Amino acid sequence: MGTPANEMLKTIKTLSDAEKLKIVDALLEDLDKPDPEVDRVWADEAERRYKKFQEGSLKTTDYEQVMKRYRTQ
């Protein structure tokens, strides 16, 4: 007899892609634990970038330019 994980994997292989995605979403949600330190670092970075944007010292690229670049690749 296999481990519970191996038994689940056998069952998962029989599921539709939509059912598999539900399982993936549930697992990722369960594993995604909030980390206050990471949240603080990202908030600080966002604030830094916003200030630079307001000052006009942040180089920006128009959405259409970005999309044009990726459409031609």
PDB file of N, CA and C in Angstrom:
ATOM      1  N   MET A   1       0.840  -1.179   0.000  1.00  0.00           N
ATOM      2  CA  MET A   1       0.000   0.000   0.000  1.00  0.00           C
ATOM      3  C   MET A   1       0.883   1.239   0.000  1.00  0.00           C
ATOM      4  N   GLY A   2       0.508   2.247  -0.813  1.00  0.00           N
ATOM      5  CA  GLY A   2       1.297   3.462  -0.925  1.00  0.00           C
ATOM      6  C   GLY A   2       1.013   4.436   0.204  1.00  0.00           C
ATOM      7  N   THR A   3       1.781   5.491   0.218  1.00  0.00           N
ATOM      8  CA  THR A   3       1.564   6.539   1.217  1.00  0.00           C
ATOM      9  C   THR A   3       0.298   7.309   0.866  1.00  0.00           C
ATOM     10  N   PRO A   4      -0.257   8.011   1.826  1.00  0.00           N
ATOM     11  CA  PRO A   4      -1.452   8.815   1.521  1.00  0.00           C
ATOM     12  C   PRO A   4      -1.213   9.791   0.359  1.00  0.00           C
ATOM     13  N   ALA A   5      -0.043  10.401   0.308  1.00  0.00           N
ATOM     14  CA  ALA A   5       0.255  11.333  -0.779  1.00  0.00           C
ATOM     15  C   ALA A   5       0.249  10.620  -2.122  1.00  0.00           C
ATOM     16  N   ASN A   6       0.856   9.442  -2.178  1.00  0.00           N
ATOM     17  CA  ASN A   6       0.882   8.695  -3.437  1.00  0.00           C
ATOM     18  C   ASN A   6      -0.524   8.262  -3.857  1.00  0.00           C
ATOM     19  N   GLU A   7      -1.342   7.894  -2.900  1.00  0.00           N
ATOM     20  CA  GLU A   7      -2.721   7.523  -3.205  1.00  0.00           C
ATOM     21  C   GLU A   7      -3.486   8.728  -3.763  1.00  0.00           C
ATOM     22  N   MET A   8      -3.264   9.885  -3.147  1.00  0.00           N
ATOM     23  CA  MET A   8      -3.918  11.094  -3.641  1.00  0.00           C
ATOM     24  C   MET A   8      -3.454  11.434  -5.051  1.00  0.00           C
ATOM     25  N   LEU A   9      -2.173  11.280  -5.293  1.00  0.00           N
ATOM     26  CA  LEU A   9      -1.642  11.579  -6.624  1.00  0.00           C
ATOM     27  C   LEU A   9      -2.270  10.681  -7.684  1.00  0.00           C
ATOM     28  N   LYS A  10      -2.475   9.419  -7.343  1.00  0.00           N
ATOM     29  CA  LYS A  10      -3.144   8.514  -8.288  1.00  0.00           C
ATOM     30  C   LYS A  10      -4.548   9.017  -8.606  1.00  0.00           C
ATOM     31  N   THR A  11      -5.263   9.436  -7.590  1.00  0.00           N
ATOM     32  CA  THR A  11      -6.618   9.948  -7.784  1.00  0.00           C
ATOM     33  C   THR A  11      -6.592  11.246  -8.588  1.00  0.00           C
ATOM     34  N   ILE A  12      -5.673  12.128  -8.261  1.00  0.00           N
ATOM     35  CA  ILE A  12      -5.583  13.414  -8.949  1.00  0.00           C
ATOM     36  C   ILE A  12      -5.363  13.225 -10.443  1.00  0.00           C
ATOM     37  N   LYS A  13      -4.585  12.235 -10.809  1.00  0.00           N
ATOM     38  CA  LYS A  13      -4.310  11.992 -12.228  1.00  0.00           C
ATOM     39  C   LYS A  13      -5.572  11.654 -13.013  1.00  0.00           C
ATOM     40  N   THR A  14      -6.614  11.208 -12.330  1.00  0.00           N
ATOM     41  CA  THR A  14      -7.860  10.846 -13.015  1.00  0.00           C
ATOM     42  C   THR A  14      -8.814  12.036 -13.149  1.00  0.00           C
ATOM     43  N   LEU A  15      -8.493  13.149 -12.526  1.00  0.00           N
ATOM     44  CA  LEU A  15      -9.387  14.305 -12.519  1.00  0.00           C
ATOM     45  C   LEU A  15      -9.253  15.138 -13.786  1.00  0.00           C
ATOM     46  N   SER A  16     -10.264  15.944 -14.034  1.00  0.00           N
ATOM     47  CA  SER A  16     -10.209  16.885 -15.162  1.00  0.00           C
ATOM     48  C   SER A  16      -9.224  18.008 -14.821  1.00  0.00           C
ATOM     49  N   ASP A  17      -8.819  18.736 -15.848  1.00  0.00           N
ATOM     50  CA  ASP A  17      -7.903  19.851 -15.614  1.00  0.00           C
ATOM     51  C   ASP A  17      -8.513  20.877 -14.665  1.00  0.00           C
ATOM     52  N   ALA A  18      -9.804  21.145 -14.801  1.00  0.00           N
ATOM     53  CA  ALA A  18     -10.469  22.115 -13.932  1.00  0.00           C
ATOM     54  C   ALA A  18     -10.432  21.664 -12.470  1.00  0.00           C
ATOM     55  N   GLU A  19     -10.655  20.375 -12.248  1.00  0.00           N
ATOM     56  CA  GLU A  19     -10.606  19.847 -10.879  1.00  0.00           C
ATOM     57  C   GLU A  19      -9.189  19.906 -10.330  1.00  0.00           C
ATOM     58  N   LYS A  20      -8.211  19.616 -11.183  1.00  0.00           N
ATOM     59  CA  LYS A  20      -6.805  19.704 -10.754  1.00  0.00           C
ATOM     60  C   LYS A  20      -6.451  21.133 -10.367  1.00  0.00           C
ATOM     61  N   LEU A  21      -6.936  22.116 -11.140  1.00  0.00           N
ATOM     62  CA  LEU A  21      -6.653  23.520 -10.829  1.00  0.00           C
ATOM     63  C   LEU A  21      -7.254  23.932  -9.494  1.00  0.00           C
ATOM     64  N   LYS A  22      -8.418  23.406  -9.164  1.00  0.00           N
ATOM     65  CA  LYS A  22      -9.010  23.692  -7.861  1.00  0.00           C
ATOM     66  C   LYS A  22      -8.096  23.193  -6.744  1.00  0.00           C
ATOM     67  N   ILE A  23      -7.527  22.032  -6.943  1.00  0.00           N
ATOM     68  CA  ILE A  23      -6.617  21.468  -5.927  1.00  0.00           C
ATOM     69  C   ILE A  23      -5.355  22.311  -5.830  1.00  0.00           C
ATOM     70  N   VAL A  24      -4.800  22.687  -6.974  1.00  0.00           N
ATOM     71  CA  VAL A  24      -3.598  23.523  -6.982  1.00  0.00           C
ATOM     72  C   VAL A  24      -3.877  24.843  -6.261  1.00  0.00           C
ATOM     73  N   ASP A  25      -5.004  25.490  -6.591  1.00  0.00           N
ATOM     74  CA  ASP A  25      -5.364  26.750  -5.936  1.00  0.00           C
ATOM     75  C   ASP A  25      -5.480  26.576  -4.425  1.00  0.00           C
ATOM     76  N   ALA A  26      -6.123  25.500  -4.010  1.00  0.00           N
ATOM     77  CA  ALA A  26      -6.298  25.265  -2.578  1.00  0.00           C
ATOM     78  C   ALA A  26      -4.952  25.041  -1.890  1.00  0.00           C
ATOM     79  N   LEU A  27      -4.074  24.292  -2.534  1.00  0.00           N
ATOM     80  CA  LEU A  27      -2.750  24.046  -1.947  1.00  0.00           C
ATOM     81  C   LEU A  27      -1.937  25.334  -1.852  1.00  0.00           C
ATOM     82  N   LEU A  28      -1.947  26.131  -2.929  1.00  0.00           N
ATOM     83  CA  LEU A  28      -1.191  27.382  -2.912  1.00  0.00           C
ATOM     84  C   LEU A  28      -1.738  28.341  -1.863  1.00  0.00           C
ATOM     85  N   GLU A  29      -3.050  28.400  -1.746  1.00  0.00           N
ATOM     86  CA  GLU A  29      -3.660  29.258  -0.733  1.00  0.00           C
ATOM     87  C   GLU A  29      -3.256  28.804   0.666  1.00  0.00           C
ATOM     88  N   ASP A  30      -3.218  27.505   0.868  1.00  0.00           N
ATOM     89  CA  ASP A  30      -2.837  26.965   2.172  1.00  0.00           C
ATOM     90  C   ASP A  30      -1.370  27.244   2.492  1.00  0.00           C
ATOM     91  N   LEU A  31      -0.520  27.210   1.471  1.00  0.00           N
ATOM     92  CA  LEU A  31       0.908  27.414   1.681  1.00  0.00           C
ATOM     93  C   LEU A  31       1.298  28.883   1.757  1.00  0.00           C
ATOM     94  N   ASP A  32       0.465  29.767   1.250  1.00  0.00           N
ATOM     95  CA  ASP A  32       0.777  31.189   1.189  1.00  0.00           C
ATOM     96  C   ASP A  32       0.459  31.853   2.518  1.00  0.00           C
ATOM     97  N   LYS A  33       1.393  31.778   3.419  1.00  0.00           N
ATOM     98  CA  LYS A  33       1.218  32.373   4.738  1.00  0.00           C
ATOM     99  C   LYS A  33       1.716  33.820   4.718  1.00  0.00           C
ATOM    100  N   PRO A  34       0.945  34.743   5.291  1.00  0.00           N
ATOM    101  CA  PRO A  34       1.394  36.138   5.329  1.00  0.00           C
ATOM    102  C   PRO A  34       2.717  36.261   6.080  1.00  0.00           C
ATOM    103  N   ASP A  35       3.575  37.106   5.558  1.00  0.00           N
ATOM    104  CA  ASP A  35       4.858  37.376   6.203  1.00  0.00           C
ATOM    105  C   ASP A  35       4.960  38.884   6.385  1.00  0.00           C
ATOM    106  N   PRO A  36       4.762  39.373   7.597  1.00  0.00           N
ATOM    107  CA  PRO A  36       4.773  40.816   7.833  1.00  0.00           C
ATOM    108  C   PRO A  36       6.062  41.494   7.357  1.00  0.00           C
ATOM    109  N   GLU A  37       7.179  40.830   7.464  1.00  0.00           N
ATOM    110  CA  GLU A  37       8.450  41.421   7.026  1.00  0.00           C
ATOM    111  C   GLU A  37       8.461  41.605   5.513  1.00  0.00           C
ATOM    112  N   VAL A  38       8.007  40.604   4.775  1.00  0.00           N
ATOM    113  CA  VAL A  38       7.950  40.714   3.316  1.00  0.00           C
ATOM    114  C   VAL A  38       6.954  41.805   2.926  1.00  0.00           C
ATOM    115  N   ASP A  39       5.814  41.852   3.592  1.00  0.00           N
ATOM    116  CA  ASP A  39       4.821  42.888   3.311  1.00  0.00           C
ATOM    117  C   ASP A  39       5.394  44.282   3.556  1.00  0.00           C
ATOM    118  N   ARG A  40       6.162  44.438   4.637  1.00  0.00           N
ATOM    119  CA  ARG A  40       6.765  45.732   4.952  1.00  0.00           C
ATOM    120  C   ARG A  40       7.780  46.136   3.895  1.00  0.00           C
ATOM    121  N   VAL A  41       8.617  45.180   3.471  1.00  0.00           N
ATOM    122  CA  VAL A  41       9.637  45.469   2.457  1.00  0.00           C
ATOM    123  C   VAL A  41       8.965  45.906   1.149  1.00  0.00           C
ATOM    124  N   TRP A  42       7.918  45.193   0.729  1.00  0.00           N
ATOM    125  CA  TRP A  42       7.218  45.566  -0.505  1.00  0.00           C
ATOM    126  C   TRP A  42       6.531  46.915  -0.373  1.00  0.00           C
ATOM    127  N   ALA A  43       5.953  47.205   0.787  1.00  0.00           N
ATOM    128  CA  ALA A  43       5.305  48.501   1.003  1.00  0.00           C
ATOM    129  C   ALA A  43       6.331  49.625   0.924  1.00  0.00           C
ATOM    130  N   ASP A  44       7.498  49.414   1.530  1.00  0.00           N
ATOM    131  CA  ASP A  44       8.569  50.413   1.457  1.00  0.00           C
ATOM    132  C   ASP A  44       9.017  50.628   0.018  1.00  0.00           C
ATOM    133  N   GLU A  45       9.169  49.534  -0.731  1.00  0.00           N
ATOM    134  CA  GLU A  45       9.598  49.632  -2.139  1.00  0.00           C
ATOM    135  C   GLU A  45       8.548  50.350  -2.973  1.00  0.00           C
ATOM    136  N   ALA A  46       7.279  50.039  -2.759  1.00  0.00           N
ATOM    137  CA  ALA A  46       6.203  50.699  -3.502  1.00  0.00           C
ATOM    138  C   ALA A  46       6.188  52.196  -3.202  1.00  0.00           C
ATOM    139  N   GLU A  47       6.368  52.535  -1.946  1.00  0.00           N
ATOM    140  CA  GLU A  47       6.388  53.950  -1.569  1.00  0.00           C
ATOM    141  C   GLU A  47       7.586  54.667  -2.206  1.00  0.00           C
ATOM    142  N   ARG A  48       8.740  54.013  -2.210  1.00  0.00           N
ATOM    143  CA  ARG A  48       9.939  54.600  -2.810  1.00  0.00           C
ATOM    144  C   ARG A  48       9.711  54.848  -4.297  1.00  0.00           C
ATOM    145  N   ARG A  49       9.159  53.857  -4.991  1.00  0.00           N
ATOM    146  CA  ARG A  49       8.912  54.004  -6.428  1.00  0.00           C
ATOM    147  C   ARG A  49       7.879  55.085  -6.708  1.00  0.00           C
ATOM    148  N   TYR A  50       6.833  55.165  -5.887  1.00  0.00           N
ATOM    149  CA  TYR A  50       5.794  56.174  -6.084  1.00  0.00           C
ATOM    150  C   TYR A  50       6.365  57.578  -5.911  1.00  0.00           C
ATOM    151  N   LYS A  51       7.202  57.772  -4.898  1.00  0.00           N
ATOM    152  CA  LYS A  51       7.832  59.079  -4.685  1.00  0.00           C
ATOM    153  C   LYS A  51       8.681  59.463  -5.893  1.00  0.00           C
ATOM    154  N   LYS A  52       9.458  58.509  -6.412  1.00  0.00           N
ATOM    155  CA  LYS A  52      10.280  58.789  -7.592  1.00  0.00           C
ATOM    156  C   LYS A  52       9.403  59.126  -8.789  1.00  0.00           C
ATOM    157  N   PHE A  53       8.286  58.428  -8.937  1.00  0.00           N
ATOM    158  CA  PHE A  53       7.353  58.707 -10.019  1.00  0.00           C
ATOM    159  C   PHE A  53       6.813  60.133  -9.886  1.00  0.00           C
ATOM    160  N   GLN A  54       6.412  60.502  -8.673  1.00  0.00           N
ATOM    161  CA  GLN A  54       5.878  61.847  -8.442  1.00  0.00           C
ATOM    162  C   GLN A  54       6.929  62.922  -8.731  1.00  0.00           C
ATOM    163  N   GLU A  55       8.186  62.629  -8.405  1.00  0.00           N
ATOM    164  CA  GLU A  55       9.273  63.582  -8.648  1.00  0.00           C
ATOM    165  C   GLU A  55       9.639  63.667 -10.122  1.00  0.00           C
ATOM    166  N   GLY A  56       9.219  62.659 -10.878  1.00  0.00           N
ATOM    167  CA  GLY A  56       9.574  62.617 -12.293  1.00  0.00           C
ATOM    168  C   GLY A  56      10.941  61.998 -12.541  1.00  0.00           C
ATOM    169  N   SER A  57      11.499  61.364 -11.528  1.00  0.00           N
ATOM    170  CA  SER A  57      12.833  60.775 -11.682  1.00  0.00           C
ATOM    171  C   SER A  57      12.797  59.266 -11.936  1.00  0.00           C
ATOM    172  N   LEU A  58      11.603  58.723 -12.101  1.00  0.00           N
ATOM    173  CA  LEU A  58      11.462  57.305 -12.383  1.00  0.00           C
ATOM    174  C   LEU A  58      11.176  57.132 -13.865  1.00  0.00           C
ATOM    175  N   LYS A  59      11.996  56.362 -14.541  1.00  0.00           N
ATOM    176  CA  LYS A  59      11.783  56.129 -15.963  1.00  0.00           C
ATOM    177  C   LYS A  59      10.573  55.198 -16.115  1.00  0.00           C
ATOM    178  N   THR A  60       9.616  55.624 -16.919  1.00  0.00           N
ATOM    179  CA  THR A  60       8.424  54.822 -17.146  1.00  0.00           C
ATOM    180  C   THR A  60       8.320  54.468 -18.625  1.00  0.00           C
ATOM    181  N   THR A  61       7.543  53.442 -18.904  1.00  0.00           N
ATOM    182  CA  THR A  61       7.316  53.009 -20.279  1.00  0.00           C
ATOM    183  C   THR A  61       5.822  52.907 -20.498  1.00  0.00           C
ATOM    184  N   ASP A  62       5.359  53.493 -21.582  1.00  0.00           N
ATOM    185  CA  ASP A  62       3.946  53.461 -21.939  1.00  0.00           C
ATOM    186  C   ASP A  62       3.510  52.017 -22.182  1.00  0.00           C
ATOM    187  N   TYR A  63       2.301  51.691 -21.761  1.00  0.00           N
ATOM    188  CA  TYR A  63       1.752  50.345 -21.919  1.00  0.00           C
ATOM    189  C   TYR A  63       1.820  49.880 -23.368  1.00  0.00           C
ATOM    190  N   GLU A  64       1.427  50.745 -24.296  1.00  0.00           N
ATOM    191  CA  GLU A  64       1.437  50.368 -25.711  1.00  0.00           C
ATOM    192  C   GLU A  64       2.844  50.040 -26.202  1.00  0.00           C
ATOM    193  N   GLN A  65       3.848  50.748 -25.708  1.00  0.00           N
ATOM    194  CA  GLN A  65       5.229  50.450 -26.089  1.00  0.00           C
ATOM    195  C   GLN A  65       5.651  49.071 -25.584  1.00  0.00           C
ATOM    196  N   VAL A  66       5.267  48.765 -24.370  1.00  0.00           N
ATOM    197  CA  VAL A  66       5.597  47.452 -23.809  1.00  0.00           C
ATOM    198  C   VAL A  66       4.928  46.354 -24.621  1.00  0.00           C
ATOM    199  N   MET A  67       3.643  46.532 -24.904  1.00  0.00           N
ATOM    200  CA  MET A  67       2.914  45.505 -25.648  1.00  0.00           C
ATOM    201  C   MET A  67       3.468  45.358 -27.064  1.00  0.00           C
ATOM    202  N   LYS A  68       3.821  46.454 -27.695  1.00  0.00           N
ATOM    203  CA  LYS A  68       4.389  46.396 -29.043  1.00  0.00           C
ATOM    204  C   LYS A  68       5.695  45.604 -29.027  1.00  0.00           C
ATOM    205  N   ARG A  69       6.520  45.835 -28.019  1.00  0.00           N
ATOM    206  CA  ARG A  69       7.796  45.117 -27.898  1.00  0.00           C
ATOM    207  C   ARG A  69       7.572  43.606 -27.777  1.00  0.00           C
ATOM    208  N   TYR A  70       6.588  43.201 -26.987  1.00  0.00           N
ATOM    209  CA  TYR A  70       6.360  41.769 -26.782  1.00  0.00           C
ATOM    210  C   TYR A  70       5.586  41.113 -27.905  1.00  0.00           C
ATOM    211  N   ARG A  71       4.809  41.899 -28.631  1.00  0.00           N
ATOM    212  CA  ARG A  71       4.086  41.336 -29.776  1.00  0.00           C
ATOM    213  C   ARG A  71       5.019  41.026 -30.933  1.00  0.00           C
ATOM    214  N   THR A  72       6.117  41.752 -31.028  1.00  0.00           N
ATOM    215  CA  THR A  72       7.048  41.554 -32.146  1.00  0.00           C
ATOM    216  C   THR A  72       8.092  40.496 -31.850  1.00  0.00           C
ATOM    217  N   GLN A  73       8.114  39.977 -30.672  1.00  0.00           N
ATOM    218  CA  GLN A  73       9.114  38.946 -30.324  1.00  0.00           C
ATOM    219  C   GLN A  73       8.658  37.586 -30.781  1.00  0.00           C
TER     220      GLN A  73
END
